Amino acid sequence: VESLAPSTDRASLDFAFSHIREAIAWLRAGRELGFGSLADPGAWLTRLDAPAAVLSPAELLDAASLLDTATALRQTFKEDAAKFPLLSSRASSLADFRSLAAAIRRAILPNSDLSDDASPELRRIRTQIARTRDSIQKTLRQLLRDRGEEPGEDYVTLRNDRFVIPVRAAARREVRGVVHGASATGQTLFVEPLETIELNNKLVQLAEDEAAEIARILAELTARLQSNLGPLRHAAATIADLDSLFARARFARDFDCALPQFTDSFELRLDSARHPVLEAKLRAENRPVVPISLTLGGAESVLVISGPNTGGKTVALKTVGLAALAAQSGIPVAAQD
């Protein structure tokens, strides 16, 4: 909407107003069309231009949101295609993204974490991680029991991504293993016993395998989006255009606007035109706006506006100027048909 500007291309203006006319009829039938939940796709679409790009999970979820929106939009006007042919044609031009959207939703959870269902390999790795972690913790708890200590939840902890147990500094020689740190007082050491070094090594390797598999999945999903880059850009542009058209249709509905008719003659006719900004302000104050009507063109090429300095002349000039600029920008005019 902010990019709209006055144009003298009558065909493109007629094209826009024909769509707005259908959008107004759609809204007046008690239906809505909005895309408020859709994140701006501009950033990740631009990133897809780079051959080696890999989108983050959050970006892929944003992409899935665009895919879902396009899928829903394809169905929106199908039942009323005869009544809304232009809107239906725009919606039906969108590609079918259902399988791609399902792949992203299956792989990435709403919180942006990778799902176990993202791939069989990721599930296998995570199963191994869970088993290895459980084995380490059981071994460490048994070591603590063997030393006459009852292991609580806080006894087994992580240092440098490795599971360790707390050992009093004075009893350090009683536990063979690698020291990974000490408490603030130095009275407690965090020791990785020899019995769990190999298991910890395995856990570190599995974590690296998991990261590699996640990177592969993200790259694969990104590549699938890149192979659909043209249809994705078309979908984003179509949705943005429809969003703009329906915004202008809502403005027409809310301000009882008219859709302008363009002629080949140098003529301007306004019937009960209002300054929309002034009308919005007066509405908030529960006050009516005073419309103006005028005709210019042909033999009547000059209009003189005179009167006392109470603001009426300026409002009249601005109302005419805004009406003309709105019409040439594809925006309904706050006036009567």
C-alpha atoms as a PDB file:
ATOM      1  CA  VAL A   1       0.000   0.000   0.000  1.00  0.00           C
ATOM      2  CA  GLU A   2       2.815   2.397   0.838  1.00  0.00           C
ATOM      3  CA  SER A   3       4.298   1.847  -2.616  1.00  0.00           C
ATOM      4  CA  LEU A   4       1.107   2.927  -4.416  1.00  0.00           C
ATOM      5  CA  ALA A   5       1.654   6.019  -6.548  1.00  0.00           C
ATOM      6  CA  PRO A   6      -0.369   8.003  -9.102  1.00  0.00           C
ATOM      7  CA  SER A   7      -0.364   6.480 -12.560  1.00  0.00           C
ATOM      8  CA  THR A   8      -1.700   7.345 -16.004  1.00  0.00           C
ATOM      9  CA  ASP A   9      -1.857   3.688 -17.042  1.00  0.00           C
ATOM     10  CA  ARG A  10      -5.607   3.340 -17.375  1.00  0.00           C
ATOM     11  CA  ALA A  11      -5.483  -0.405 -18.080  1.00  0.00           C
ATOM     12  CA  SER A  12      -3.605  -1.213 -14.859  1.00  0.00           C
ATOM     13  CA  LEU A  13      -5.920   1.044 -12.840  1.00  0.00           C
ATOM     14  CA  ASP A  14      -9.035  -0.571 -14.323  1.00  0.00           C
ATOM     15  CA  PHE A  15      -7.461  -3.969 -13.555  1.00  0.00           C
ATOM     16  CA  ALA A  16      -6.912  -3.006  -9.896  1.00  0.00           C
ATOM     17  CA  PHE A  17     -10.388  -1.546  -9.414  1.00  0.00           C
ATOM     18  CA  SER A  18     -12.011  -4.607 -11.011  1.00  0.00           C
ATOM     19  CA  HIS A  19     -10.310  -6.745  -8.353  1.00  0.00           C
ATOM     20  CA  ILE A  20     -11.261  -4.289  -5.604  1.00  0.00           C
ATOM     21  CA  ARG A  21     -14.895  -4.431  -6.754  1.00  0.00           C
ATOM     22  CA  GLU A  22     -14.893  -8.201  -6.265  1.00  0.00           C
ATOM     23  CA  ALA A  23     -13.107  -7.841  -2.916  1.00  0.00           C
ATOM     24  CA  ILE A  24     -15.767  -5.374  -1.724  1.00  0.00           C
ATOM     25  CA  ALA A  25     -18.506  -7.830  -2.716  1.00  0.00           C
ATOM     26  CA  TRP A  26     -16.648 -10.590  -0.861  1.00  0.00           C
ATOM     27  CA  LEU A  27     -16.483  -8.461   2.303  1.00  0.00           C
ATOM     28  CA  ARG A  28     -20.097  -7.335   2.053  1.00  0.00           C
ATOM     29  CA  ALA A  29     -21.135 -10.989   1.990  1.00  0.00           C
ATOM     30  CA  GLY A  30     -19.829 -11.206   5.551  1.00  0.00           C
ATOM     31  CA  ARG A  31     -16.538 -12.880   4.706  1.00  0.00           C
ATOM     32  CA  GLU A  32     -12.974 -11.773   5.347  1.00  0.00           C
ATOM     33  CA  LEU A  33      -9.558 -12.360   3.848  1.00  0.00           C
ATOM     34  CA  GLY A  34      -6.430 -11.406   5.743  1.00  0.00           C
ATOM     35  CA  PHE A  35      -2.854 -12.506   6.182  1.00  0.00           C
ATOM     36  CA  GLY A  36      -2.013 -11.040   9.570  1.00  0.00           C
ATOM     37  CA  SER A  37      -0.355 -14.221  10.850  1.00  0.00           C
ATOM     38  CA  LEU A  38       2.022 -14.472   7.886  1.00  0.00           C
ATOM     39  CA  ALA A  39       5.590 -13.343   8.568  1.00  0.00           C
ATOM     40  CA  ASP A  40       7.227 -11.163   5.917  1.00  0.00           C
ATOM     41  CA  PRO A  41       8.944 -13.672   3.603  1.00  0.00           C
ATOM     42  CA  GLY A  42      11.299 -11.124   2.052  1.00  0.00           C
ATOM     43  CA  ALA A  43      14.392 -11.974   4.110  1.00  0.00           C
ATOM     44  CA  TRP A  44      14.403 -15.746   3.673  1.00  0.00           C
ATOM     45  CA  LEU A  45      13.379 -15.520   0.014  1.00  0.00           C
ATOM     46  CA  THR A  46      16.414 -13.323  -0.572  1.00  0.00           C
ATOM     47  CA  ARG A  47      18.630 -15.793   1.297  1.00  0.00           C
ATOM     48  CA  LEU A  48      17.488 -18.575  -1.036  1.00  0.00           C
ATOM     49  CA  ASP A  49      19.287 -16.796  -3.885  1.00  0.00           C
ATOM     50  CA  ALA A  50      22.634 -17.957  -2.496  1.00  0.00           C
ATOM     51  CA  PRO A  51      23.446 -21.463  -3.829  1.00  0.00           C
ATOM     52  CA  ALA A  52      24.976 -22.606  -0.522  1.00  0.00           C
ATOM     53  CA  ALA A  53      22.275 -21.080   1.666  1.00  0.00           C
ATOM     54  CA  VAL A  54      20.842 -23.133   4.533  1.00  0.00           C
ATOM     55  CA  LEU A  55      17.796 -21.686   6.252  1.00  0.00           C
ATOM     56  CA  SER A  56      17.467 -21.856  10.015  1.00  0.00           C
ATOM     57  CA  PRO A  57      14.592 -23.823  11.585  1.00  0.00           C
ATOM     58  CA  ALA A  58      12.775 -20.553  12.351  1.00  0.00           C
ATOM     59  CA  GLU A  59      13.122 -19.422   8.733  1.00  0.00           C
ATOM     60  CA  LEU A  60      11.862 -22.776   7.498  1.00  0.00           C
ATOM     61  CA  LEU A  61       8.807 -22.425   9.746  1.00  0.00           C
ATOM     62  CA  ASP A  62       8.207 -18.970   8.235  1.00  0.00           C
ATOM     63  CA  ALA A  63       8.474 -20.588   4.816  1.00  0.00           C
ATOM     64  CA  ALA A  64       5.954 -23.236   5.856  1.00  0.00           C
ATOM     65  CA  SER A  65       3.615 -20.445   6.919  1.00  0.00           C
ATOM     66  CA  LEU A  66       3.778 -18.993   3.399  1.00  0.00           C
ATOM     67  CA  LEU A  67       3.215 -22.453   1.909  1.00  0.00           C
ATOM     68  CA  ASP A  68       0.197 -23.049   4.159  1.00  0.00           C
ATOM     69  CA  THR A  69      -1.224 -19.624   3.311  1.00  0.00           C
ATOM     70  CA  ALA A  70      -0.858 -20.269  -0.421  1.00  0.00           C
ATOM     71  CA  THR A  71      -2.520 -23.671  -0.039  1.00  0.00           C
ATOM     72  CA  ALA A  72      -5.462 -22.180   1.854  1.00  0.00           C
ATOM     73  CA  LEU A  73      -5.766 -19.332  -0.642  1.00  0.00           C
ATOM     74  CA  ARG A  74      -5.997 -21.800  -3.543  1.00  0.00           C
ATOM     75  CA  GLN A  75      -9.202 -23.143  -1.974  1.00  0.00           C
ATOM     76  CA  THR A  76     -10.728 -19.849  -0.823  1.00  0.00           C
ATOM     77  CA  PHE A  77     -12.598 -18.770  -3.964  1.00  0.00           C
ATOM     78  CA  LYS A  78     -13.123 -22.188  -5.585  1.00  0.00           C
ATOM     79  CA  GLU A  79     -16.780 -22.554  -4.652  1.00  0.00           C
ATOM     80  CA  ASP A  80     -17.578 -19.001  -5.800  1.00  0.00           C
ATOM     81  CA  ALA A  81     -15.330 -18.873  -8.854  1.00  0.00           C
ATOM     82  CA  ALA A  82     -18.203 -17.761 -11.100  1.00  0.00           C
ATOM     83  CA  LYS A  83     -19.067 -14.858  -8.803  1.00  0.00           C
ATOM     84  CA  PHE A  84     -15.455 -13.824  -8.159  1.00  0.00           C
ATOM     85  CA  PRO A  85     -13.636 -14.778 -11.377  1.00  0.00           C
ATOM     86  CA  LEU A  86     -10.729 -12.356 -11.006  1.00  0.00           C
ATOM     87  CA  LEU A  87      -9.932 -13.268  -7.408  1.00  0.00           C
ATOM     88  CA  SER A  88     -10.394 -16.941  -8.186  1.00  0.00           C
ATOM     89  CA  SER A  89      -8.005 -16.711 -11.121  1.00  0.00           C
ATOM     90  CA  ARG A  90      -5.331 -15.068  -8.982  1.00  0.00           C
ATOM     91  CA  ALA A  91      -5.683 -17.707  -6.265  1.00  0.00           C
ATOM     92  CA  SER A  92      -5.689 -20.649  -8.662  1.00  0.00           C
ATOM     93  CA  SER A  93      -2.407 -19.455 -10.202  1.00  0.00           C
ATOM     94  CA  LEU A  94      -0.587 -20.479  -7.010  1.00  0.00           C
ATOM     95  CA  ALA A  95       1.390 -23.718  -6.990  1.00  0.00           C
ATOM     96  CA  ASP A  96       0.442 -26.703  -4.845  1.00  0.00           C
ATOM     97  CA  PHE A  97       2.888 -26.634  -1.905  1.00  0.00           C
ATOM     98  CA  ARG A  98       1.164 -29.170   0.335  1.00  0.00           C
ATOM     99  CA  SER A  99       3.844 -31.866   0.251  1.00  0.00           C
ATOM    100  CA  LEU A 100       6.653 -29.363   0.852  1.00  0.00           C
ATOM    101  CA  ALA A 101       4.792 -27.734   3.746  1.00  0.00           C
ATOM    102  CA  ALA A 102       4.111 -31.172   5.272  1.00  0.00           C
ATOM    103  CA  ALA A 103       7.809 -32.071   5.030  1.00  0.00           C
ATOM    104  CA  ILE A 104       8.814 -28.916   6.909  1.00  0.00           C
ATOM    105  CA  ARG A 105       6.095 -29.329   9.563  1.00  0.00           C
ATOM    106  CA  ARG A 106       7.077 -32.962  10.056  1.00  0.00           C
ATOM    107  CA  ALA A 107      10.758 -32.087  10.489  1.00  0.00           C
ATOM    108  CA  ILE A 108      10.522 -28.946  12.624  1.00  0.00           C
ATOM    109  CA  LEU A 109       8.506 -28.506  15.791  1.00  0.00           C
ATOM    110  CA  PRO A 110       6.673 -25.212  16.545  1.00  0.00           C
ATOM    111  CA  ASN A 111       9.474 -24.229  18.969  1.00  0.00           C
ATOM    112  CA  SER A 112      12.026 -24.588  16.106  1.00  0.00           C
ATOM    113  CA  ASP A 113      13.531 -27.814  17.462  1.00  0.00           C
ATOM    114  CA  LEU A 114      14.101 -30.663  15.016  1.00  0.00           C
ATOM    115  CA  SER A 115      11.597 -33.462  15.452  1.00  0.00           C
ATOM    116  CA  ASP A 116      12.656 -37.080  15.863  1.00  0.00           C
ATOM    117  CA  ASP A 117      10.479 -37.693  12.795  1.00  0.00           C
ATOM    118  CA  ALA A 118      12.694 -35.470  10.646  1.00  0.00           C
ATOM    119  CA  SER A 119      14.588 -38.567   9.446  1.00  0.00           C
ATOM    120  CA  PRO A 120      15.081 -42.209  10.454  1.00  0.00           C
ATOM    121  CA  GLU A 121      18.779 -41.487  11.022  1.00  0.00           C
ATOM    122  CA  LEU A 122      18.046 -38.644  13.425  1.00  0.00           C
ATOM    123  CA  ARG A 123      15.670 -40.869  15.379  1.00  0.00           C
ATOM    124  CA  ARG A 124      18.323 -43.632  15.532  1.00  0.00           C
ATOM    125  CA  ILE A 125      21.002 -41.215  16.753  1.00  0.00           C
ATOM    126  CA  ARG A 126      18.770 -39.707  19.415  1.00  0.00           C
ATOM    127  CA  THR A 127      17.746 -43.149  20.615  1.00  0.00           C
ATOM    128  CA  GLN A 128      21.435 -44.006  20.982  1.00  0.00           C
ATOM    129  CA  ILE A 129      22.065 -40.731  22.803  1.00  0.00           C
ATOM    130  CA  ALA A 130      19.286 -41.455  25.285  1.00  0.00           C
ATOM    131  CA  ARG A 131      20.535 -44.978  25.915  1.00  0.00           C
ATOM    132  CA  THR A 132      24.160 -43.883  26.301  1.00  0.00           C
ATOM    133  CA  ARG A 133      23.230 -41.051  28.649  1.00  0.00           C
ATOM    134  CA  ASP A 134      21.143 -43.426  30.743  1.00  0.00           C
ATOM    135  CA  SER A 135      23.999 -45.947  30.869  1.00  0.00           C
ATOM    136  CA  ILE A 136      26.476 -43.272  31.997  1.00  0.00           C
ATOM    137  CA  GLN A 137      24.188 -42.030  34.733  1.00  0.00           C
ATOM    138  CA  LYS A 138      23.509 -45.540  36.014  1.00  0.00           C
ATOM    139  CA  THR A 139      27.248 -46.267  36.115  1.00  0.00           C
ATOM    140  CA  LEU A 140      28.001 -43.049  37.966  1.00  0.00           C
ATOM    141  CA  ARG A 141      25.234 -43.603  40.512  1.00  0.00           C
ATOM    142  CA  GLN A 142      26.502 -47.106  41.162  1.00  0.00           C
ATOM    143  CA  LEU A 143      30.010 -45.716  41.726  1.00  0.00           C
ATOM    144  CA  LEU A 144      28.587 -43.295  44.259  1.00  0.00           C
ATOM    145  CA  ARG A 145      26.741 -46.089  46.055  1.00  0.00           C
ATOM    146  CA  ASP A 146      29.910 -48.162  46.099  1.00  0.00           C
ATOM    147  CA  ARG A 147      31.572 -45.266  47.912  1.00  0.00           C
ATOM    148  CA  GLY A 148      28.788 -45.248  50.496  1.00  0.00           C
ATOM    149  CA  GLU A 149      26.984 -42.161  49.108  1.00  0.00           C
ATOM    150  CA  GLU A 150      23.323 -42.012  48.200  1.00  0.00           C
ATOM    151  CA  PRO A 151      23.241 -40.282  44.769  1.00  0.00           C
ATOM    152  CA  GLY A 152      20.705 -37.490  44.536  1.00  0.00           C
ATOM    153  CA  GLU A 153      19.577 -35.715  41.387  1.00  0.00           C
ATOM    154  CA  ASP A 154      22.308 -33.079  41.757  1.00  0.00           C
ATOM    155  CA  TYR A 155      25.139 -35.529  42.184  1.00  0.00           C
ATOM    156  CA  VAL A 156      25.558 -36.455  38.532  1.00  0.00           C
ATOM    157  CA  THR A 157      26.218 -33.302  36.524  1.00  0.00           C
ATOM    158  CA  LEU A 158      27.800 -32.037  33.320  1.00  0.00           C
ATOM    159  CA  ARG A 159      31.176 -30.371  32.891  1.00  0.00           C
ATOM    160  CA  ASN A 160      32.629 -29.693  29.425  1.00  0.00           C
ATOM    161  CA  ASP A 161      29.761 -31.717  27.933  1.00  0.00           C
ATOM    162  CA  ARG A 162      30.809 -34.795  29.918  1.00  0.00           C
ATOM    163  CA  PHE A 163      29.022 -36.435  32.832  1.00  0.00           C
ATOM    164  CA  VAL A 164      30.949 -36.174  36.118  1.00  0.00           C
ATOM    165  CA  ILE A 165      30.434 -36.745  39.846  1.00  0.00           C
ATOM    166  CA  PRO A 166      31.421 -34.470  42.762  1.00  0.00           C
ATOM    167  CA  VAL A 167      34.313 -35.683  44.868  1.00  0.00           C
ATOM    168  CA  ARG A 168      35.705 -34.031  47.990  1.00  0.00           C
ATOM    169  CA  ALA A 169      39.172 -32.692  47.278  1.00  0.00           C
ATOM    170  CA  ALA A 170      40.525 -34.588  50.252  1.00  0.00           C
ATOM    171  CA  ALA A 171      39.225 -37.859  48.790  1.00  0.00           C
ATOM    172  CA  ARG A 172      40.484 -37.221  45.266  1.00  0.00           C
ATOM    173  CA  ARG A 173      42.791 -40.280  45.270  1.00  0.00           C
ATOM    174  CA  GLU A 174      39.841 -42.552  45.984  1.00  0.00           C
ATOM    175  CA  VAL A 175      38.333 -41.961  42.495  1.00  0.00           C
ATOM    176  CA  ARG A 176      40.466 -42.590  39.462  1.00  0.00           C
ATOM    177  CA  GLY A 177      39.566 -40.390  36.511  1.00  0.00           C
ATOM    178  CA  VAL A 178      39.811 -36.959  34.864  1.00  0.00           C
ATOM    179  CA  VAL A 179      39.119 -33.752  36.805  1.00  0.00           C
ATOM    180  CA  HIS A 180      36.934 -31.318  34.836  1.00  0.00           C
ATOM    181  CA  GLY A 181      36.685 -28.508  37.344  1.00  0.00           C
ATOM    182  CA  ALA A 182      36.222 -27.510  40.951  1.00  0.00           C
ATOM    183  CA  SER A 183      33.675 -25.718  43.070  1.00  0.00           C
ATOM    184  CA  ALA A 184      34.055 -22.055  43.929  1.00  0.00           C
ATOM    185  CA  THR A 185      35.590 -22.972  47.297  1.00  0.00           C
ATOM    186  CA  GLY A 186      37.868 -25.628  45.809  1.00  0.00           C
ATOM    187  CA  GLN A 187      36.582 -28.144  48.328  1.00  0.00           C
ATOM    188  CA  THR A 188      34.775 -30.199  45.653  1.00  0.00           C
ATOM    189  CA  LEU A 189      36.192 -31.576  42.427  1.00  0.00           C
ATOM    190  CA  PHE A 190      34.142 -32.741  39.456  1.00  0.00           C
ATOM    191  CA  VAL A 191      35.623 -36.011  38.287  1.00  0.00           C
ATOM    192  CA  GLU A 192      34.933 -38.141  35.242  1.00  0.00           C
ATOM    193  CA  PRO A 193      35.663 -41.701  36.439  1.00  0.00           C
ATOM    194  CA  LEU A 194      37.654 -44.008  34.183  1.00  0.00           C
ATOM    195  CA  GLU A 195      34.635 -46.327  33.985  1.00  0.00           C
ATOM    196  CA  THR A 196      32.635 -43.745  31.985  1.00  0.00           C
ATOM    197  CA  ILE A 197      35.298 -42.165  29.757  1.00  0.00           C
ATOM    198  CA  GLU A 198      34.502 -44.386  26.775  1.00  0.00           C
ATOM    199  CA  LEU A 199      30.759 -43.865  27.214  1.00  0.00           C
ATOM    200  CA  ASN A 200      31.275 -40.117  27.439  1.00  0.00           C
ATOM    201  CA  ASN A 201      33.411 -40.264  24.299  1.00  0.00           C
ATOM    202  CA  LYS A 202      30.601 -42.112  22.563  1.00  0.00           C
ATOM    203  CA  LEU A 203      28.088 -39.512  23.751  1.00  0.00           C
ATOM    204  CA  VAL A 204      30.217 -36.664  22.358  1.00  0.00           C
ATOM    205  CA  GLN A 205      30.495 -38.459  19.016  1.00  0.00           C
ATOM    206  CA  LEU A 206      26.751 -39.065  18.925  1.00  0.00           C
ATOM    207  CA  ALA A 207      26.140 -35.370  19.619  1.00  0.00           C
ATOM    208  CA  GLU A 208      28.359 -34.519  16.644  1.00  0.00           C
ATOM    209  CA  ASP A 209      26.470 -37.049  14.515  1.00  0.00           C
ATOM    210  CA  GLU A 210      23.195 -35.459  15.587  1.00  0.00           C
ATOM    211  CA  ALA A 211      24.416 -31.971  14.648  1.00  0.00           C
ATOM    212  CA  ALA A 212      25.597 -33.243  11.252  1.00  0.00           C
ATOM    213  CA  GLU A 213      22.267 -34.940  10.552  1.00  0.00           C
ATOM    214  CA  ILE A 214      20.350 -31.804  11.562  1.00  0.00           C
ATOM    215  CA  ALA A 215      22.527 -29.742   9.208  1.00  0.00           C
ATOM    216  CA  ARG A 216      21.833 -32.231   6.408  1.00  0.00           C
ATOM    217  CA  ILE A 217      18.072 -32.067   7.009  1.00  0.00           C
ATOM    218  CA  LEU A 218      18.054 -28.263   7.011  1.00  0.00           C
ATOM    219  CA  ALA A 219      20.116 -28.209   3.807  1.00  0.00           C
ATOM    220  CA  GLU A 220      17.754 -30.699   2.153  1.00  0.00           C
ATOM    221  CA  LEU A 221      14.644 -28.703   3.059  1.00  0.00           C
ATOM    222  CA  THR A 222      16.338 -25.488   1.904  1.00  0.00           C
ATOM    223  CA  ALA A 223      17.226 -27.127  -1.416  1.00  0.00           C
ATOM    224  CA  ARG A 224      13.584 -28.126  -1.899  1.00  0.00           C
ATOM    225  CA  LEU A 225      12.553 -24.515  -1.348  1.00  0.00           C
ATOM    226  CA  GLN A 226      15.218 -23.323  -3.774  1.00  0.00           C
ATOM    227  CA  SER A 227      13.883 -25.673  -6.457  1.00  0.00           C
ATOM    228  CA  ASN A 228      10.503 -23.930  -6.009  1.00  0.00           C
ATOM    229  CA  LEU A 229      11.898 -20.395  -5.818  1.00  0.00           C
ATOM    230  CA  GLY A 230       9.945 -19.078  -8.817  1.00  0.00           C
ATOM    231  CA  PRO A 231       6.556 -20.333  -7.569  1.00  0.00           C
ATOM    232  CA  LEU A 232       7.406 -19.153  -4.044  1.00  0.00           C
ATOM    233  CA  ARG A 233       8.127 -15.633  -5.242  1.00  0.00           C
ATOM    234  CA  HIS A 234       4.923 -15.664  -7.275  1.00  0.00           C
ATOM    235  CA  ALA A 235       2.993 -16.801  -4.195  1.00  0.00           C
ATOM    236  CA  ALA A 236       4.512 -14.077  -2.012  1.00  0.00           C
ATOM    237  CA  ALA A 237       3.794 -11.395  -4.618  1.00  0.00           C
ATOM    238  CA  THR A 238       0.221 -12.626  -5.164  1.00  0.00           C
ATOM    239  CA  ILE A 239      -0.527 -12.746  -1.449  1.00  0.00           C
ATOM    240  CA  ALA A 240       0.951  -9.258  -0.971  1.00  0.00           C
ATOM    241  CA  ASP A 241      -1.139  -7.920  -3.861  1.00  0.00           C
ATOM    242  CA  LEU A 242      -4.329  -9.518  -2.556  1.00  0.00           C
ATOM    243  CA  ASP A 243      -3.560  -8.172   0.911  1.00  0.00           C
ATOM    244  CA  SER A 244      -3.297  -4.692  -0.590  1.00  0.00           C
ATOM    245  CA  LEU A 245      -6.467  -5.107  -2.656  1.00  0.00           C
ATOM    246  CA  PHE A 246      -8.479  -6.245   0.361  1.00  0.00           C
ATOM    247  CA  ALA A 247      -7.053  -3.433   2.495  1.00  0.00           C
ATOM    248  CA  ARG A 248      -8.350  -0.975  -0.099  1.00  0.00           C
ATOM    249  CA  ALA A 249     -11.660  -2.859  -0.245  1.00  0.00           C
ATOM    250  CA  ARG A 250     -12.050  -2.558   3.539  1.00  0.00           C
ATOM    251  CA  PHE A 251     -11.305   1.162   3.251  1.00  0.00           C
ATOM    252  CA  ALA A 252     -14.018   1.427   0.583  1.00  0.00           C
ATOM    253  CA  ARG A 253     -16.471  -0.444   2.805  1.00  0.00           C
ATOM    254  CA  ASP A 254     -15.688   1.484   5.964  1.00  0.00           C
ATOM    255  CA  PHE A 255     -15.754   4.933   4.305  1.00  0.00           C
ATOM    256  CA  ASP A 256     -18.559   4.213   1.817  1.00  0.00           C
ATOM    257  CA  CYS A 257     -16.231   4.930  -1.085  1.00  0.00           C
ATOM    258  CA  ALA A 258     -16.826   4.945  -4.819  1.00  0.00           C
ATOM    259  CA  LEU A 259     -14.715   3.243  -7.446  1.00  0.00           C
ATOM    260  CA  PRO A 260     -13.678   5.891  -9.971  1.00  0.00           C
ATOM    261  CA  GLN A 261     -14.549   5.756 -13.641  1.00  0.00           C
ATOM    262  CA  PHE A 262     -11.949   7.050 -16.057  1.00  0.00           C
ATOM    263  CA  THR A 263     -12.823   8.869 -19.270  1.00  0.00           C
ATOM    264  CA  ASP A 264     -10.876  10.044 -22.270  1.00  0.00           C
ATOM    265  CA  SER A 265     -12.023  13.625 -21.747  1.00  0.00           C
ATOM    266  CA  PHE A 266     -10.412  16.175 -19.455  1.00  0.00           C
ATOM    267  CA  GLU A 267     -13.141  16.114 -16.863  1.00  0.00           C
ATOM    268  CA  LEU A 268     -13.427  15.778 -13.093  1.00  0.00           C
ATOM    269  CA  ARG A 269     -16.699  15.052 -11.349  1.00  0.00           C
ATOM    270  CA  LEU A 270     -17.063  14.513  -7.629  1.00  0.00           C
ATOM    271  CA  ASP A 271     -20.346  13.742  -5.886  1.00  0.00           C
ATOM    272  CA  SER A 272     -20.415  14.199  -2.102  1.00  0.00           C
ATOM    273  CA  ALA A 273     -16.656  13.811  -1.761  1.00  0.00           C
ATOM    274  CA  ARG A 274     -15.104  13.834   1.718  1.00  0.00           C
ATOM    275  CA  HIS A 275     -11.604  14.311   3.033  1.00  0.00           C
ATOM    276  CA  PRO A 276     -10.960  10.798   4.457  1.00  0.00           C
ATOM    277  CA  VAL A 277      -8.520  11.892   7.154  1.00  0.00           C
ATOM    278  CA  LEU A 278     -10.911  14.611   8.322  1.00  0.00           C
ATOM    279  CA  GLU A 279     -13.828  12.170   8.238  1.00  0.00           C
ATOM    280  CA  ALA A 280     -11.929   9.657  10.375  1.00  0.00           C
ATOM    281  CA  LYS A 281     -11.136  12.390  12.919  1.00  0.00           C
ATOM    282  CA  LEU A 282     -14.717  13.659  13.066  1.00  0.00           C
ATOM    283  CA  ARG A 283     -16.091  10.132  13.361  1.00  0.00           C
ATOM    284  CA  ALA A 284     -14.027   9.646  16.498  1.00  0.00           C
ATOM    285  CA  GLU A 285     -15.663  12.796  17.866  1.00  0.00           C
ATOM    286  CA  ASN A 286     -19.118  11.636  16.712  1.00  0.00           C
ATOM    287  CA  ARG A 287     -19.381  14.628  14.379  1.00  0.00           C
ATOM    288  CA  PRO A 288     -20.494  14.567  10.721  1.00  0.00           C
ATOM    289  CA  VAL A 289     -18.262  15.598   7.842  1.00  0.00           C
ATOM    290  CA  VAL A 290     -19.593  18.084   5.254  1.00  0.00           C
ATOM    291  CA  PRO A 291     -19.133  16.658   1.726  1.00  0.00           C
ATOM    292  CA  ILE A 292     -18.511  18.673  -1.413  1.00  0.00           C
ATOM    293  CA  SER A 293     -19.624  18.149  -4.999  1.00  0.00           C
ATOM    294  CA  LEU A 294     -18.099  19.771  -8.051  1.00  0.00           C
ATOM    295  CA  THR A 295     -17.574  19.380 -11.769  1.00  0.00           C
ATOM    296  CA  LEU A 296     -14.633  20.619 -13.794  1.00  0.00           C
ATOM    297  CA  GLY A 297     -13.866  20.161 -17.455  1.00  0.00           C
ATOM    298  CA  GLY A 298     -15.007  21.201 -20.889  1.00  0.00           C
ATOM    299  CA  ALA A 299     -16.009  24.845 -20.810  1.00  0.00           C
ATOM    300  CA  GLU A 300     -15.744  24.892 -16.994  1.00  0.00           C
ATOM    301  CA  SER A 301     -11.957  24.669 -16.658  1.00  0.00           C
ATOM    302  CA  VAL A 302     -11.514  27.082 -13.734  1.00  0.00           C
ATOM    303  CA  LEU A 303     -13.101  26.989 -10.298  1.00  0.00           C
ATOM    304  CA  VAL A 304     -12.742  29.905  -7.880  1.00  0.00           C
ATOM    305  CA  ILE A 305     -13.121  29.101  -4.181  1.00  0.00           C
ATOM    306  CA  SER A 306     -13.656  32.097  -1.896  1.00  0.00           C
ATOM    307  CA  GLY A 307     -14.885  32.746   1.587  1.00  0.00           C
ATOM    308  CA  PRO A 308     -13.739  33.623   5.109  1.00  0.00           C
ATOM    309  CA  ASN A 309     -10.622  32.093   6.679  1.00  0.00           C
ATOM    310  CA  THR A 310     -12.288  29.219   8.521  1.00  0.00           C
ATOM    311  CA  GLY A 311     -10.508  26.316   6.844  1.00  0.00           C
ATOM    312  CA  GLY A 312     -13.210  25.372   4.365  1.00  0.00           C
ATOM    313  CA  LYS A 313     -11.280  26.436   1.279  1.00  0.00           C
ATOM    314  CA  THR A 314      -8.203  24.395   2.263  1.00  0.00           C
ATOM    315  CA  VAL A 315     -10.303  21.317   3.030  1.00  0.00           C
ATOM    316  CA  ALA A 316     -12.046  21.653  -0.334  1.00  0.00           C
ATOM    317  CA  LEU A 317      -8.749  21.893  -2.208  1.00  0.00           C
ATOM    318  CA  LYS A 318      -7.244  18.969  -0.332  1.00  0.00           C
ATOM    319  CA  THR A 319     -10.384  16.868  -0.781  1.00  0.00           C
ATOM    320  CA  VAL A 320     -10.246  17.341  -4.553  1.00  0.00           C
ATOM    321  CA  GLY A 321      -6.501  16.705  -4.650  1.00  0.00           C
ATOM    322  CA  LEU A 322      -6.737  13.545  -2.543  1.00  0.00           C
ATOM    323  CA  ALA A 323      -9.649  12.248  -4.607  1.00  0.00           C
ATOM    324  CA  ALA A 324      -7.722  12.651  -7.853  1.00  0.00           C
ATOM    325  CA  LEU A 325      -4.517  11.159  -6.432  1.00  0.00           C
ATOM    326  CA  ALA A 326      -6.380   8.246  -4.827  1.00  0.00           C
ATOM    327  CA  ALA A 327      -8.176   7.427  -8.069  1.00  0.00           C
ATOM    328  CA  GLN A 328      -4.923   7.431 -10.023  1.00  0.00           C
ATOM    329  CA  SER A 329      -3.232   5.300  -7.322  1.00  0.00           C
ATOM    330  CA  GLY A 330      -5.789   2.518  -7.382  1.00  0.00           C
ATOM    331  CA  ILE A 331      -7.447   3.592  -4.120  1.00  0.00           C
ATOM    332  CA  PRO A 332     -11.256   3.960  -3.811  1.00  0.00           C
ATOM    333  CA  VAL A 333     -12.431   7.547  -3.476  1.00  0.00           C
ATOM    334  CA  ALA A 334     -14.384   8.774  -0.451  1.00  0.00           C
ATOM    335  CA  ALA A 335     -17.358   9.946  -2.497  1.00  0.00           C
ATOM    336  CA  GLN A 336     -20.716   8.756  -3.841  1.00  0.00           C
ATOM    337  CA  ASP A 337     -20.970   6.705  -7.036  1.00  0.00           C
END
